[in-house]
Amino acid sequence: MHRRISRICRSFSGFIFLGVIFLFMHSCGDSGDQVIDEATGNRALKQYEMTKDKIKTIEEKQQERYKDILPGAAREERPDE
């Protein structure tokens, strides 16, 4: 009986070991890509493109707001003159 339990424990520990190896290899693959992106400058380029797009959308929203605000402000100034 002791040998039977020992076999079960070994096979169970083998499955755990294989799972840990699989997770380790999967996580190393992601960090390896990040290291390559950092070394080649691709990460900085991606961040630059994202920031550029965000600034463009903010600029477009601001222009729309100013278009709405400026004609109203011009109307308010005319009667006072």
N, C-alpha and C. Protein backbone atom coordinates (compact mmCIF):
# COMPACT_ATOMS: atom_id res chain seq x y z
N MET A 1 0.81 -1.18 0.00
CA MET A 1 0.00 0.00 0.00
C MET A 1 0.86 1.26 0.00
N HIS A 2 1.93 1.21 0.74
CA HIS A 2 2.83 2.36 0.79
C HIS A 2 3.40 2.67 -0.60
N ARG A 3 3.74 1.61 -1.36
CA ARG A 3 4.27 1.81 -2.71
C ARG A 3 3.22 2.41 -3.64
N ARG A 4 1.98 2.01 -3.44
CA ARG A 4 0.90 2.54 -4.28
C ARG A 4 0.72 4.04 -4.04
N ILE A 5 0.73 4.45 -2.79
CA ILE A 5 0.63 5.87 -2.45
C ILE A 5 1.83 6.62 -2.99
N SER A 6 2.99 6.01 -2.90
CA SER A 6 4.20 6.63 -3.40
C SER A 6 4.11 6.87 -4.91
N ARG A 7 3.58 5.88 -5.65
CA ARG A 7 3.41 6.03 -7.10
C ARG A 7 2.44 7.15 -7.43
N ILE A 8 1.35 7.23 -6.69
CA ILE A 8 0.36 8.29 -6.92
C ILE A 8 0.99 9.66 -6.66
N CYS A 9 1.74 9.77 -5.59
CA CYS A 9 2.39 11.04 -5.26
C CYS A 9 3.39 11.43 -6.34
N ARG A 10 4.16 10.47 -6.83
CA ARG A 10 5.14 10.77 -7.89
C ARG A 10 4.46 11.22 -9.17
N SER A 11 3.39 10.53 -9.56
CA SER A 11 2.70 10.92 -10.80
C SER A 11 2.02 12.28 -10.62
N PHE A 12 1.45 12.53 -9.46
CA PHE A 12 0.84 13.82 -9.20
C PHE A 12 1.87 14.93 -9.20
N SER A 13 3.02 14.69 -8.59
CA SER A 13 4.08 15.69 -8.58
C SER A 13 4.64 15.90 -9.99
N GLY A 14 4.61 14.86 -10.81
CA GLY A 14 5.04 15.01 -12.21
C GLY A 14 4.12 15.95 -12.97
N PHE A 15 2.80 15.83 -12.74
CA PHE A 15 1.85 16.73 -13.39
C PHE A 15 2.06 18.17 -12.92
N ILE A 16 2.30 18.34 -11.65
CA ILE A 16 2.56 19.68 -11.11
C ILE A 16 3.84 20.25 -11.72
N PHE A 17 4.86 19.43 -11.80
CA PHE A 17 6.14 19.87 -12.38
C PHE A 17 5.96 20.29 -13.83
N LEU A 18 5.24 19.50 -14.62
CA LEU A 18 4.99 19.85 -16.02
C LEU A 18 4.17 21.14 -16.13
N GLY A 19 3.22 21.32 -15.24
CA GLY A 19 2.43 22.56 -15.24
C GLY A 19 3.27 23.78 -14.94
N VAL A 20 4.16 23.63 -13.96
CA VAL A 20 5.05 24.74 -13.61
C VAL A 20 5.98 25.07 -14.78
N ILE A 21 6.51 24.06 -15.43
CA ILE A 21 7.38 24.29 -16.59
C ILE A 21 6.62 24.99 -17.71
N PHE A 22 5.39 24.55 -17.95
CA PHE A 22 4.57 25.17 -19.00
C PHE A 22 4.32 26.65 -18.68
N LEU A 23 3.93 26.94 -17.45
CA LEU A 23 3.69 28.33 -17.06
C LEU A 23 4.96 29.17 -17.16
N PHE A 24 6.09 28.59 -16.76
CA PHE A 24 7.35 29.31 -16.82
C PHE A 24 7.72 29.64 -18.26
N MET A 25 7.56 28.68 -19.15
CA MET A 25 7.89 28.91 -20.55
C MET A 25 6.95 29.94 -21.17
N HIS A 26 5.69 29.89 -20.79
CA HIS A 26 4.72 30.85 -21.33
C HIS A 26 5.05 32.27 -20.85
N SER A 27 5.39 32.42 -19.58
CA SER A 27 5.69 33.76 -19.06
C SER A 27 7.01 34.28 -19.61
N CYS A 28 7.96 33.43 -19.85
CA CYS A 28 9.24 33.87 -20.41
C CYS A 28 9.08 34.35 -21.84
N GLY A 29 8.17 33.76 -22.57
CA GLY A 29 7.94 34.18 -23.94
C GLY A 29 7.45 35.61 -24.02
N ASP A 30 6.56 36.00 -23.12
CA ASP A 30 6.04 37.36 -23.11
C ASP A 30 7.12 38.35 -22.72
N SER A 31 7.88 38.04 -21.69
CA SER A 31 8.90 38.97 -21.25
C SER A 31 10.03 39.05 -22.27
N GLY A 32 10.29 37.98 -22.98
CA GLY A 32 11.31 38.01 -24.03
C GLY A 32 10.91 38.96 -25.14
N ASP A 33 9.64 38.95 -25.52
CA ASP A 33 9.16 39.89 -26.52
C ASP A 33 9.29 41.33 -26.02
N GLN A 34 8.99 41.53 -24.76
CA GLN A 34 9.10 42.88 -24.19
C GLN A 34 10.55 43.35 -24.19
N VAL A 35 11.48 42.46 -23.88
CA VAL A 35 12.90 42.83 -23.87
C VAL A 35 13.35 43.19 -25.28
N ILE A 36 12.94 42.42 -26.26
CA ILE A 36 13.31 42.71 -27.64
C ILE A 36 12.72 44.04 -28.09
N ASP A 37 11.44 44.29 -27.75
CA ASP A 37 10.81 45.56 -28.09
C ASP A 37 11.54 46.73 -27.44
N GLU A 38 11.94 46.55 -26.21
CA GLU A 38 12.65 47.63 -25.50
C GLU A 38 14.02 47.88 -26.14
N ALA A 39 14.72 46.82 -26.50
CA ALA A 39 16.07 46.97 -27.07
C ALA A 39 16.03 47.58 -28.46
N THR A 40 15.03 47.25 -29.25
CA THR A 40 14.96 47.76 -30.63
C THR A 40 14.27 49.10 -30.72
N GLY A 41 13.62 49.54 -29.64
CA GLY A 41 12.94 50.83 -29.66
C GLY A 41 11.50 50.73 -30.11
N ASN A 42 11.01 49.52 -30.36
CA ASN A 42 9.63 49.36 -30.81
C ASN A 42 8.63 49.77 -29.74
N ARG A 43 8.97 49.56 -28.48
CA ARG A 43 8.07 49.93 -27.39
C ARG A 43 7.89 51.44 -27.35
N ALA A 44 8.97 52.15 -27.49
CA ALA A 44 8.88 53.61 -27.48
C ALA A 44 8.09 54.10 -28.69
N LEU A 45 8.27 53.47 -29.82
CA LEU A 45 7.52 53.84 -31.02
C LEU A 45 6.03 53.59 -30.84
N LYS A 46 5.68 52.46 -30.24
CA LYS A 46 4.28 52.16 -29.98
C LYS A 46 3.66 53.18 -29.04
N GLN A 47 4.40 53.54 -27.98
CA GLN A 47 3.90 54.55 -27.04
C GLN A 47 3.75 55.90 -27.72
N TYR A 48 4.68 56.25 -28.59
CA TYR A 48 4.62 57.51 -29.31
C TYR A 48 3.39 57.56 -30.21
N GLU A 49 3.13 56.47 -30.93
CA GLU A 49 1.97 56.41 -31.82
C GLU A 49 0.67 56.53 -31.02
N MET A 50 0.59 55.83 -29.88
CA MET A 50 -0.61 55.90 -29.06
C MET A 50 -0.82 57.32 -28.53
N THR A 51 0.23 57.95 -28.06
CA THR A 51 0.14 59.30 -27.53
C THR A 51 -0.24 60.28 -28.63
N LYS A 52 0.34 60.11 -29.79
CA LYS A 52 0.04 60.97 -30.93
C LYS A 52 -1.45 60.88 -31.30
N ASP A 53 -1.99 59.67 -31.32
CA ASP A 53 -3.41 59.48 -31.62
C ASP A 53 -4.29 60.12 -30.56
N LYS A 54 -3.91 59.96 -29.28
CA LYS A 54 -4.69 60.56 -28.20
C LYS A 54 -4.69 62.08 -28.31
N ILE A 55 -3.53 62.65 -28.60
CA ILE A 55 -3.43 64.11 -28.73
C ILE A 55 -4.26 64.60 -29.90
N LYS A 56 -4.26 63.84 -30.98
CA LYS A 56 -5.05 64.22 -32.15
C LYS A 56 -6.54 64.25 -31.83
N THR A 57 -7.01 63.24 -31.10
CA THR A 57 -8.44 63.23 -30.75
C THR A 57 -8.77 64.36 -29.78
N ILE A 58 -7.89 64.66 -28.84
CA ILE A 58 -8.13 65.77 -27.92
C ILE A 58 -8.15 67.08 -28.68
N GLU A 59 -7.24 67.24 -29.62
CA GLU A 59 -7.19 68.47 -30.42
C GLU A 59 -8.48 68.64 -31.23
N GLU A 60 -8.99 67.57 -31.82
CA GLU A 60 -10.23 67.65 -32.59
C GLU A 60 -11.41 68.02 -31.70
N LYS A 61 -11.47 67.45 -30.49
CA LYS A 61 -12.55 67.79 -29.56
C LYS A 61 -12.47 69.25 -29.15
N GLN A 62 -11.26 69.74 -28.90
CA GLN A 62 -11.09 71.14 -28.50
C GLN A 62 -11.50 72.08 -29.63
N GLN A 63 -11.16 71.74 -30.87
CA GLN A 63 -11.54 72.57 -32.00
C GLN A 63 -13.06 72.62 -32.14
N GLU A 64 -13.74 71.49 -31.92
CA GLU A 64 -15.20 71.49 -31.98
C GLU A 64 -15.78 72.37 -30.89
N ARG A 65 -15.21 72.32 -29.70
CA ARG A 65 -15.71 73.15 -28.59
C ARG A 65 -15.50 74.63 -28.88
N TYR A 66 -14.33 74.97 -29.42
CA TYR A 66 -14.06 76.38 -29.72
C TYR A 66 -14.97 76.89 -30.83
N LYS A 67 -15.32 76.04 -31.79
CA LYS A 67 -16.24 76.46 -32.84
C LYS A 67 -17.60 76.81 -32.25
N ASP A 68 -18.02 76.02 -31.26
CA ASP A 68 -19.31 76.29 -30.61
C ASP A 68 -19.24 77.51 -29.70
N ILE A 69 -18.13 77.71 -29.03
CA ILE A 69 -18.01 78.80 -28.05
C ILE A 69 -17.77 80.14 -28.74
N LEU A 70 -16.89 80.21 -29.71
CA LEU A 70 -16.51 81.49 -30.32
C LEU A 70 -17.66 82.23 -30.99
N PRO A 71 -18.52 81.60 -31.75
CA PRO A 71 -19.63 82.38 -32.32
C PRO A 71 -20.55 82.96 -31.24
N GLY A 72 -20.76 82.23 -30.16
CA GLY A 72 -21.57 82.74 -29.05
C GLY A 72 -20.90 83.92 -28.37
N ALA A 73 -19.60 83.85 -28.21
CA ALA A 73 -18.86 84.94 -27.58
C ALA A 73 -18.88 86.17 -28.48
N ALA A 74 -18.78 85.98 -29.78
CA ALA A 74 -18.81 87.11 -30.71
C ALA A 74 -20.19 87.77 -30.68
N ARG A 75 -21.25 87.01 -30.55
CA ARG A 75 -22.59 87.57 -30.47
C ARG A 75 -22.77 88.41 -29.21
N GLU A 76 -22.18 87.96 -28.11
CA GLU A 76 -22.32 88.71 -26.86
C GLU A 76 -21.55 90.02 -26.91
N GLU A 77 -20.45 90.08 -27.61
CA GLU A 77 -19.66 91.30 -27.68
C GLU A 77 -20.28 92.35 -28.60
N ARG A 78 -20.95 91.96 -29.63
CA ARG A 78 -21.52 92.90 -30.60
C ARG A 78 -22.56 93.85 -29.99
N PRO A 79 -23.52 93.38 -29.22
CA PRO A 79 -24.51 94.33 -28.71
C PRO A 79 -23.91 95.39 -27.76
N ASP A 80 -22.84 95.06 -27.08
CA ASP A 80 -22.23 96.01 -26.16
C ASP A 80 -21.50 97.13 -26.86
N GLU A 81 -21.10 96.93 -28.08
CA GLU A 81 -20.27 97.93 -28.77
C GLU A 81 -21.03 99.10 -29.22
